[in-house]
Every structure is written in structure tokens, then in C-alpha cells.
C-alpha atoms as a PDB file:
ATOM      1  CA  LEU A   1      95.890 118.620  27.935  1.00  0.00           C
ATOM      2  CA  PRO A   2      97.995 121.729  26.830  1.00  0.00           C
ATOM      3  CA  ASP A   3      96.666 123.892  29.855  1.00  0.00           C
ATOM      4  CA  GLU A   4      97.935 121.157  32.426  1.00  0.00           C
ATOM      5  CA  LYS A   5     100.888 122.198  34.114  1.00  0.00           C
ATOM      6  CA  PRO A   6     104.063 119.471  33.868  1.00  0.00           C
ATOM      7  CA  LEU A   7     104.433 117.105  36.733  1.00  0.00           C
ATOM      8  CA  SER A   8     108.216 118.590  37.270  1.00  0.00           C
ATOM      9  CA  CYS A   9     106.324 121.991  38.036  1.00  0.00           C
ATOM     10  CA  CYS A  10     103.553 120.459  40.698  1.00  0.00           C
ATOM     11  CA  CYS A  11     104.080 119.420  43.724  1.00  0.00           C
ATOM     12  CA  MET A  12     103.389 115.912  44.493  1.00  0.00           C
ATOM     13  CA  TRP A  13     103.318 116.001  48.512  1.00  0.00           C
ATOM     14  CA  ARG A  14      99.901 114.109  49.495  1.00  0.00           C
ATOM     15  CA  GLY A  15      97.148 116.908  49.700  1.00  0.00           C
ATOM     16  CA  CYS A  16      99.064 119.861  48.748  1.00  0.00           C
ATOM     17  CA  SER A  17      97.367 121.277  45.277  1.00  0.00           C
ATOM     18  CA  TRP A  18     100.205 123.976  44.768  1.00  0.00           C
ATOM     19  CA  GLU A  19     101.110 124.625  41.262  1.00  0.00           C
ATOM     20  CA  GLY A  20     102.911 127.774  41.314  1.00  0.00           C
ATOM     21  CA  CYS A  21     106.624 126.832  40.856  1.00  0.00           C
ATOM     22  CA  GLU A  22     108.798 128.543  38.095  1.00  0.00           C
ATOM     23  CA  ASP A  23     111.551 126.174  38.281  1.00  0.00           C
ATOM     24  CA  LEU A  24     112.970 122.901  40.041  1.00  0.00           C
ATOM     25  CA  MET A  25     115.082 125.145  42.692  1.00  0.00           C
ATOM     26  CA  GLU A  26     111.671 126.614  43.791  1.00  0.00           C
ATOM     27  CA  LEU A  27     110.069 123.046  43.816  1.00  0.00           C
ATOM     28  CA  THR A  28     112.701 121.911  45.681  1.00  0.00           C
ATOM     29  CA  ARG A  29     112.451 124.775  48.305  1.00  0.00           C
ATOM     30  CA  HIS A  30     108.772 124.129  48.629  1.00  0.00           C
ATOM     31  CA  ILE A  31     109.199 120.236  49.123  1.00  0.00           C
ATOM     32  CA  MET A  32     111.928 120.782  51.594  1.00  0.00           C
ATOM     33  CA  PHE A  33     109.576 122.984  53.746  1.00  0.00           C
ATOM     34  CA  HIS A  34     106.894 120.302  53.629  1.00  0.00           C
ATOM     35  CA  GLY A  35     109.414 118.051  55.703  1.00  0.00           C
ATOM     36  CA  TYR A  36     110.187 120.969  58.123  1.00  0.00           C
ATOM     37  CA  HIS A  37     106.378 121.731  58.243  1.00  0.00           C
ATOM     38  CA  SER A  38     105.993 117.918  59.130  1.00  0.00           C
ATOM     39  CA  LEU A  39     108.559 118.204  61.964  1.00  0.00           C
ATOM     40  CA  LEU A  40     106.883 121.391  63.454  1.00  0.00           C
ATOM     41  CA  ARG A  41     103.399 119.596  63.322  1.00  0.00           C
ATOM     42  CA  ALA A  42     105.093 116.475  65.218  1.00  0.00           C
ATOM     43  CA  LEU A  43     106.329 118.871  67.827  1.00  0.00           C
ATOM     44  CA  GLY A  44     102.992 120.725  68.133  1.00  0.00           C
ATOM     45  CA  LYS A  45     101.353 117.211  68.485  1.00  0.00           C
ATOM     46  CA  LEU A  46     103.793 116.549  71.493  1.00  0.00           C
ATOM     47  CA  GLU A  47     102.743 119.801  73.228  1.00  0.00           C
ATOM     48  CA  GLN A  48      99.009 119.171  72.796  1.00  0.00           C
ATOM     49  CA  ASP A  49      99.150 115.820  74.300  1.00  0.00           C
ATOM     50  CA  LYS A  50     101.521 117.041  77.205  1.00  0.00           C
ATOM     51  CA  MET A  51      98.911 119.717  78.111  1.00  0.00           C
ATOM     52  CA  SER A  52      95.742 117.158  77.369  1.00  0.00           C
ATOM     53  CA  LEU A  53      94.167 119.477  74.943  1.00  0.00           C
ATOM     54  CA  ASN A  54      91.550 118.564  72.281  1.00  0.00           C
ATOM     55  CA  ASP A  55      92.283 118.388  68.633  1.00  0.00           C
ATOM     56  CA  CYS A  56      92.012 121.675  66.735  1.00  0.00           C
ATOM     57  CA  LEU A  57      88.487 122.165  65.140  1.00  0.00           C
ATOM     58  CA  ILE A  58      89.595 124.267  62.454  1.00  0.00           C
ATOM     59  CA  GLU A  59      88.834 122.906  58.962  1.00  0.00           C
ATOM     60  CA  GLN A  60      91.088 123.780  55.966  1.00  0.00           C
ATOM     61  CA  GLU A  61      90.247 122.839  52.411  1.00  0.00           C
ATOM     62  CA  ASP A  62      94.040 123.026  51.936  1.00  0.00           C
ATOM     63  CA  GLN A  63      95.957 122.299  54.901  1.00  0.00           C
ATOM     64  CA  TYR A  64      99.133 123.219  53.136  1.00  0.00           C
ATOM     65  CA  HIS A  65      97.843 126.673  51.844  1.00  0.00           C
ATOM     66  CA  MET A  66     100.583 128.526  53.911  1.00  0.00           C
ATOM     67  CA  LEU A  67     103.330 126.939  52.130  1.00  0.00           C
ATOM     68  CA  SER A  68     102.331 128.535  48.957  1.00  0.00           C
ATOM     69  CA  CYS A  69     104.214 131.629  50.286  1.00  0.00           C
ATOM     70  CA  VAL A  70     107.563 130.014  50.617  1.00  0.00           C
ATOM     71  CA  THR A  71     108.655 131.192  46.916  1.00  0.00           C
ATOM     72  CA  THR A  72     111.717 133.460  47.684  1.00  0.00           C
ATOM     73  CA  PRO A  73     115.050 131.772  48.303  1.00  0.00           C
ATOM     74  CA  PHE A  74     116.052 131.479  52.164  1.00  0.00           C
ATOM     75  CA  LEU A  75     118.944 134.123  51.556  1.00  0.00           C
ATOM     76  CA  CYS A  76     121.162 135.021  54.501  1.00  0.00           C
ATOM     77  CA  LEU A  77     121.396 138.825  54.946  1.00  0.00           C
ATOM     78  CA  TRP A  78     123.541 138.848  58.107  1.00  0.00           C
ATOM     79  CA  ASN A  79     126.731 141.297  57.573  1.00  0.00           C
ATOM     80  CA  ASN A  80     126.387 140.602  53.578  1.00  0.00           C
ATOM     81  CA  CYS A  81     126.659 136.892  53.992  1.00  0.00           C
ATOM     82  CA  ALA A  82     124.524 136.105  51.138  1.00  0.00           C
ATOM     83  CA  GLN A  83     124.589 132.525  51.408  1.00  0.00           C
ATOM     84  CA  GLU A  84     121.372 130.789  49.702  1.00  0.00           C
ATOM     85  CA  HIS A  85     119.532 127.649  51.102  1.00  0.00           C
ATOM     86  CA  CYS A  86     116.812 125.309  49.693  1.00  0.00           C
ATOM     87  CA  CYS A  87     116.614 123.691  53.290  1.00  0.00           C
ATOM     88  CA  PRO A  88     114.805 125.933  55.609  1.00  0.00           C
ATOM     89  CA  ASP A  89     116.176 124.055  58.732  1.00  0.00           C
ATOM     90  CA  LYS A  90     119.933 124.319  57.407  1.00  0.00           C
ATOM     91  CA  PHE A  91     119.195 127.985  56.768  1.00  0.00           C
ATOM     92  CA  TYR A  92     117.899 128.692  60.314  1.00  0.00           C
ATOM     93  CA  ARG A  93     120.967 127.134  61.537  1.00  0.00           C
ATOM     94  CA  HIS A  94     123.286 128.764  59.429  1.00  0.00           C
ATOM     95  CA  VAL A  95     121.744 132.143  60.720  1.00  0.00           C
ATOM     96  CA  GLU A  96     121.870 130.863  64.215  1.00  0.00           C
ATOM     97  CA  LYS A  97     125.529 130.312  63.935  1.00  0.00           C
ATOM     98  CA  HIS A  98     125.963 133.854  62.886  1.00  0.00           C
ATOM     99  CA  VAL A  99     124.228 134.844  66.074  1.00  0.00           C
ATOM    100  CA  LEU A 100     126.135 132.694  68.376  1.00  0.00           C
ATOM    101  CA  ASN A 101     129.482 133.835  66.878  1.00  0.00           C
ATOM    102  CA  SER A 102     128.895 137.250  67.200  1.00  0.00           C
ATOM    103  CA  ASP A 103     130.667 139.497  69.891  1.00  0.00           C
ATOM    104  CA  SER A 104     129.236 141.952  72.006  1.00  0.00           C
ATOM    105  CA  ILE A 105     129.457 145.886  71.424  1.00  0.00           C
ATOM    106  CA  CYS A 106     129.974 148.573  73.976  1.00  0.00           C
ATOM    107  CA  ASP A 107     127.308 151.085  73.758  1.00  0.00           C
ATOM    108  CA  GLU A 108     127.396 154.767  74.598  1.00  0.00           C
ATOM    109  CA  ASN A 109     126.574 154.090  78.248  1.00  0.00           C
ATOM    110  CA  ASN A 110     129.584 151.739  78.475  1.00  0.00           C
ATOM    111  CA  LYS A 111     127.012 148.610  78.454  1.00  0.00           C
ATOM    112  CA  TYR A 112     127.805 145.416  76.466  1.00  0.00           C
ATOM    113  CA  ARG A 113     125.045 144.928  73.927  1.00  0.00           C
ATOM    114  CA  MET A 114     124.589 142.178  71.162  1.00  0.00           C
ATOM    115  CA  GLN A 115     123.898 143.993  67.865  1.00  0.00           C
ATOM    116  CA  CYS A 116     121.901 142.635  64.912  1.00  0.00           C
ATOM    117  CA  TYR A 117     123.573 142.566  61.646  1.00  0.00           C
ATOM    118  CA  TRP A 118     120.935 141.634  59.590  1.00  0.00           C
ATOM    119  CA  ASN A 119     120.768 143.666  56.239  1.00  0.00           C
ATOM    120  CA  THR A 120     119.975 147.202  57.597  1.00  0.00           C
ATOM    121  CA  CYS A 121     119.011 146.518  61.143  1.00  0.00           C
ATOM    122  CA  SER A 122     120.843 147.789  63.963  1.00  0.00           C
ATOM    123  CA  ASN A 123     118.821 146.774  67.014  1.00  0.00           C
ATOM    124  CA  THR A 124     120.776 145.705  70.128  1.00  0.00           C
ATOM    125  CA  PHE A 125     119.865 143.324  72.687  1.00  0.00           C
ATOM    126  CA  ARG A 126     121.128 142.613  76.212  1.00  0.00           C
ATOM    127  CA  ASP A 127     122.297 138.933  75.253  1.00  0.00           C
ATOM    128  CA  LYS A 128     122.471 136.402  72.651  1.00  0.00           C
ATOM    129  CA  HIS A 129     119.339 134.861  73.626  1.00  0.00           C
ATOM    130  CA  LYS A 130     117.334 138.050  73.062  1.00  0.00           C
ATOM    131  CA  LEU A 131     119.197 138.663  69.643  1.00  0.00           C
ATOM    132  CA  LYS A 132     118.373 135.177  68.569  1.00  0.00           C
ATOM    133  CA  GLU A 133     114.747 135.706  69.411  1.00  0.00           C
ATOM    134  CA  HIS A 134     114.770 139.020  67.301  1.00  0.00           C
ATOM    135  CA  VAL A 135     116.677 137.544  64.303  1.00  0.00           C
ATOM    136  CA  ARG A 136     113.417 135.112  63.760  1.00  0.00           C
ATOM    137  CA  VAL A 137     111.488 138.310  62.765  1.00  0.00           C
ATOM    138  CA  HIS A 138     113.883 138.437  59.727  1.00  0.00           C
ATOM    139  CA  THR A 139     114.225 135.029  58.827  1.00  0.00           C
ATOM    140  CA  HIS A 140     110.323 134.289  59.386  1.00  0.00           C
ATOM    141  CA  GLU A 141     111.344 131.020  61.604  1.00  0.00           C
ATOM    142  CA  LYS A 142     108.390 129.302  63.244  1.00  0.00           C
ATOM    143  CA  LEU A 143     109.364 126.666  65.924  1.00  0.00           C
ATOM    144  CA  VAL A 144     105.962 124.777  66.209  1.00  0.00           C
ATOM    145  CA  ALA A 145     102.739 123.959  64.197  1.00  0.00           C
ATOM    146  CA  CYS A 146      99.317 123.021  64.765  1.00  0.00           C
ATOM    147  CA  PRO A 147      98.914 119.220  64.150  1.00  0.00           C
ATOM    148  CA  GLY A 148      95.268 119.751  63.061  1.00  0.00           C
ATOM    149  CA  CYS A 149      95.219 122.962  60.696  1.00  0.00           C
ATOM    150  CA  GLY A 150      98.688 123.204  60.315  1.00  0.00           C
ATOM    151  CA  GLY A 151      99.086 126.841  61.418  1.00  0.00           C
ATOM    152  CA  LEU A 152     102.520 127.917  62.053  1.00  0.00           C
ATOM    153  CA  PHE A 153     103.524 129.719  65.544  1.00  0.00           C
ATOM    154  CA  SER A 154     106.621 131.373  66.802  1.00  0.00           C
ATOM    155  CA  ASN A 155     106.557 129.660  70.207  1.00  0.00           C
ATOM    156  CA  ARG A 156     104.526 127.125  72.236  1.00  0.00           C
ATOM    157  CA  THR A 157     102.313 129.541  74.231  1.00  0.00           C
ATOM    158  CA  LYS A 158     100.873 130.801  70.989  1.00  0.00           C
ATOM    159  CA  LEU A 159     100.153 127.222  69.969  1.00  0.00           C
ATOM    160  CA  LEU A 160      98.649 126.261  73.173  1.00  0.00           C
ATOM    161  CA  ASP A 161      96.432 129.388  73.179  1.00  0.00           C
ATOM    162  CA  HIS A 162      95.469 128.590  69.344  1.00  0.00           C
ATOM    163  CA  LEU A 163      94.213 125.127  70.602  1.00  0.00           C
ATOM    164  CA  SER A 164      92.261 126.114  73.676  1.00  0.00           C
ATOM    165  CA  ARG A 165      90.488 128.728  71.790  1.00  0.00           C
ATOM    166  CA  GLN A 166      88.935 125.643  69.825  1.00  0.00           C
ATOM    167  CA  ASN A 167      87.194 124.325  72.631  1.00  0.00           C
ATOM    168  CA  THR A 168      85.188 126.985  74.115  1.00  0.00           C
ATOM    169  CA  GLN A 169      83.145 124.851  76.495  1.00  0.00           C
ATOM    170  CA  ALA A 170      86.251 123.683  78.209  1.00  0.00           C
ATOM    171  CA  PHE A 171      88.155 127.100  78.077  1.00  0.00           C
ATOM    172  CA  ASN A 172      89.230 128.480  81.582  1.00  0.00           C
ATOM    173  CA  TYR A 173      86.841 126.362  83.629  1.00  0.00           C
ATOM    174  CA  LEU A 174      89.216 125.012  86.294  1.00  0.00           C
ATOM    175  CA  LYS A 175      90.543 127.482  88.607  1.00  0.00           C
ATOM    176  CA  CYS A 176      93.733 127.065  90.437  1.00  0.00           C
ATOM    177  CA  PRO A 177      93.423 126.596  94.085  1.00  0.00           C
ATOM    178  CA  HIS A 178      96.478 128.717  94.873  1.00  0.00           C
ATOM    179  CA  CYS A 179      95.645 131.987  92.631  1.00  0.00           C
ATOM    180  CA  ASP A 180      93.432 133.320  90.215  1.00  0.00           C
ATOM    181  CA  MET A 181      94.534 131.546  87.460  1.00  0.00           C
ATOM    182  CA  THR A 182      92.139 129.361  85.139  1.00  0.00           C
ATOM    183  CA  CYS A 183      93.017 126.464  83.026  1.00  0.00           C
ATOM    184  CA  PRO A 184      91.369 124.653  80.024  1.00  0.00           C
ATOM    185  CA  ASN A 185      91.850 121.155  81.352  1.00  0.00           C
ATOM    186  CA  PRO A 186      93.277 119.144  84.143  1.00  0.00           C
ATOM    187  CA  GLY A 187      96.590 118.693  82.619  1.00  0.00           C
ATOM    188  CA  SER A 188      97.465 122.132  82.010  1.00  0.00           C
ATOM    189  CA  LEU A 189      96.196 122.803  85.729  1.00  0.00           C
ATOM    190  CA  LYS A 190      98.427 120.103  86.910  1.00  0.00           C
ATOM    191  CA  TYR A 191     101.305 121.834  84.870  1.00  0.00           C
ATOM    192  CA  HIS A 192     100.571 125.175  86.502  1.00  0.00           C
ATOM    193  CA  ILE A 193     100.577 123.972  89.824  1.00  0.00           C
ATOM    194  CA  HIS A 194     103.762 122.155  89.448  1.00  0.00           C
ATOM    195  CA  TYR A 195     105.882 125.004  87.929  1.00  0.00           C
ATOM    196  CA  ARG A 196     104.049 128.054  89.738  1.00  0.00           C
ATOM    197  CA  HIS A 197     103.386 126.493  93.282  1.00  0.00           C
ATOM    198  CA  SER A 198     105.386 123.542  93.926  1.00  0.00           C
ATOM    199  CA  ASP A 199     108.656 123.672  96.246  1.00  0.00           C
ATOM    200  CA  GLU A 200     110.151 121.262  94.349  1.00  0.00           C
ATOM    201  CA  ARG A 201     113.145 122.633  92.589  1.00  0.00           C
ATOM    202  CA  PRO A 202     115.142 119.629  91.305  1.00  0.00           C
ATOM    203  CA  TYR A 203     117.483 121.517  88.930  1.00  0.00           C
ATOM    204  CA  PRO A 204     120.043 123.863  90.529  1.00  0.00           C
ATOM    205  CA  CYS A 205     121.618 126.779  88.628  1.00  0.00           C
ATOM    206  CA  ALA A 206     124.894 126.092  87.134  1.00  0.00           C
ATOM    207  CA  MET A 207     126.424 129.358  88.140  1.00  0.00           C
ATOM    208  CA  CYS A 208     125.161 129.086  92.004  1.00  0.00           C
ATOM    209  CA  ASP A 209     123.242 127.366  94.452  1.00  0.00           C
ATOM    210  CA  HIS A 210     119.815 128.658  93.359  1.00  0.00           C
ATOM    211  CA  ARG A 211     116.936 126.253  92.414  1.00  0.00           C
END
């Protein structure tokens, strides 16, 4: 039929209905993000199982709808780098190298800070870890995805909040015996008690004897 898109312009990933690509580079970028998205969903499943949370109850007609926005190139704007990538993971790791190779600057208070060199941004941070977190605002990198609906999240806490809200009957019915914290299930309560109230500290600091 004359109105049908040619196969070269359609995503053939199972369950994806996207037909918006303009060229093969855009299609390649889209398909590579499918692979990256699958990795994030697998990581989300590990977090869900670790906390014994029920499956996400949100039903999506198109579970890959959020991938339709991946149309612009993964372009590095760190200090006029301008390197372009099709693979999202390679792009994120490329930008991460810029951050890790950055040198600190001395501010007006004679304190050493890490500066962001992304395009017109000039924010500064106390260490590379904070700078790395900030740069994700520019790159739109997500670290985990819901294994059910496919929603993307910037950290595991937001994913766990998302999954907990899907199960209102189970939400916040287990109270910690040591504090006022409430948890959605026995697994998360056990996790909370272990990391907040247990005296067990098996891992010492690499710089001192603190555990």
C-alpha cells in the first residue's frame, strides 16, 4: 500500500509500534535504546525481587511509548567536545570519563570545587560524585526502569516508591519496632532494620577504622 511506511523506517522490536524515524541513523539510535531499556528493566527486576515487592499494576497500551522521544543524537556538549553516539550506554560512559578526568578549581572562598563544563552550565559541586549526579540532568541518563510498565527512573529509590504505590493495600502496614518507619512488606522491613538498626558493620572505611 502506498501509505505504508517502508520496513527500513519502522522499528521491528517486538511490541514497539514506533514508525517515526527519518533515516537509518535515527532508527539505529532508537533500537539501541531498546537494548539499553531492556538492561534497565532487568536491573529494576532485581531491585523488585530484593525488596519482595509485587508487580507493577500500571497497564500500558504501548510499553515503549517513552522511547519515541529518543530522536535527537546523543551529542556530548562537555567543553565543546561535540562527539556524537548512537549507543546510549557508550554516550553516558563517554560523558562520565569527562567528569572523572576533570580537575578541581579553586573558588572565591579558596575552596576546591568541581565545575560542570556542559554547554553553558557553570554549576560547581564539592566532589566528582555530586558532579556526576548533576551531569545526568544534561544527558537525561536513567539508572533503572520498572520491569512492568517500563517507566524510567533516575535512582532505585524512585523505582521502589513507584512499585510500592501500585499496591495500596500492602503499603505502609508494617511498622519498624525500633522507630516510626513503616514498610510495604516484610522484605523491605528486614532491609531497613539491617541497615538502620543493626550493629553489624562488616565493611571498614578504606581511609580509617570506621565501619
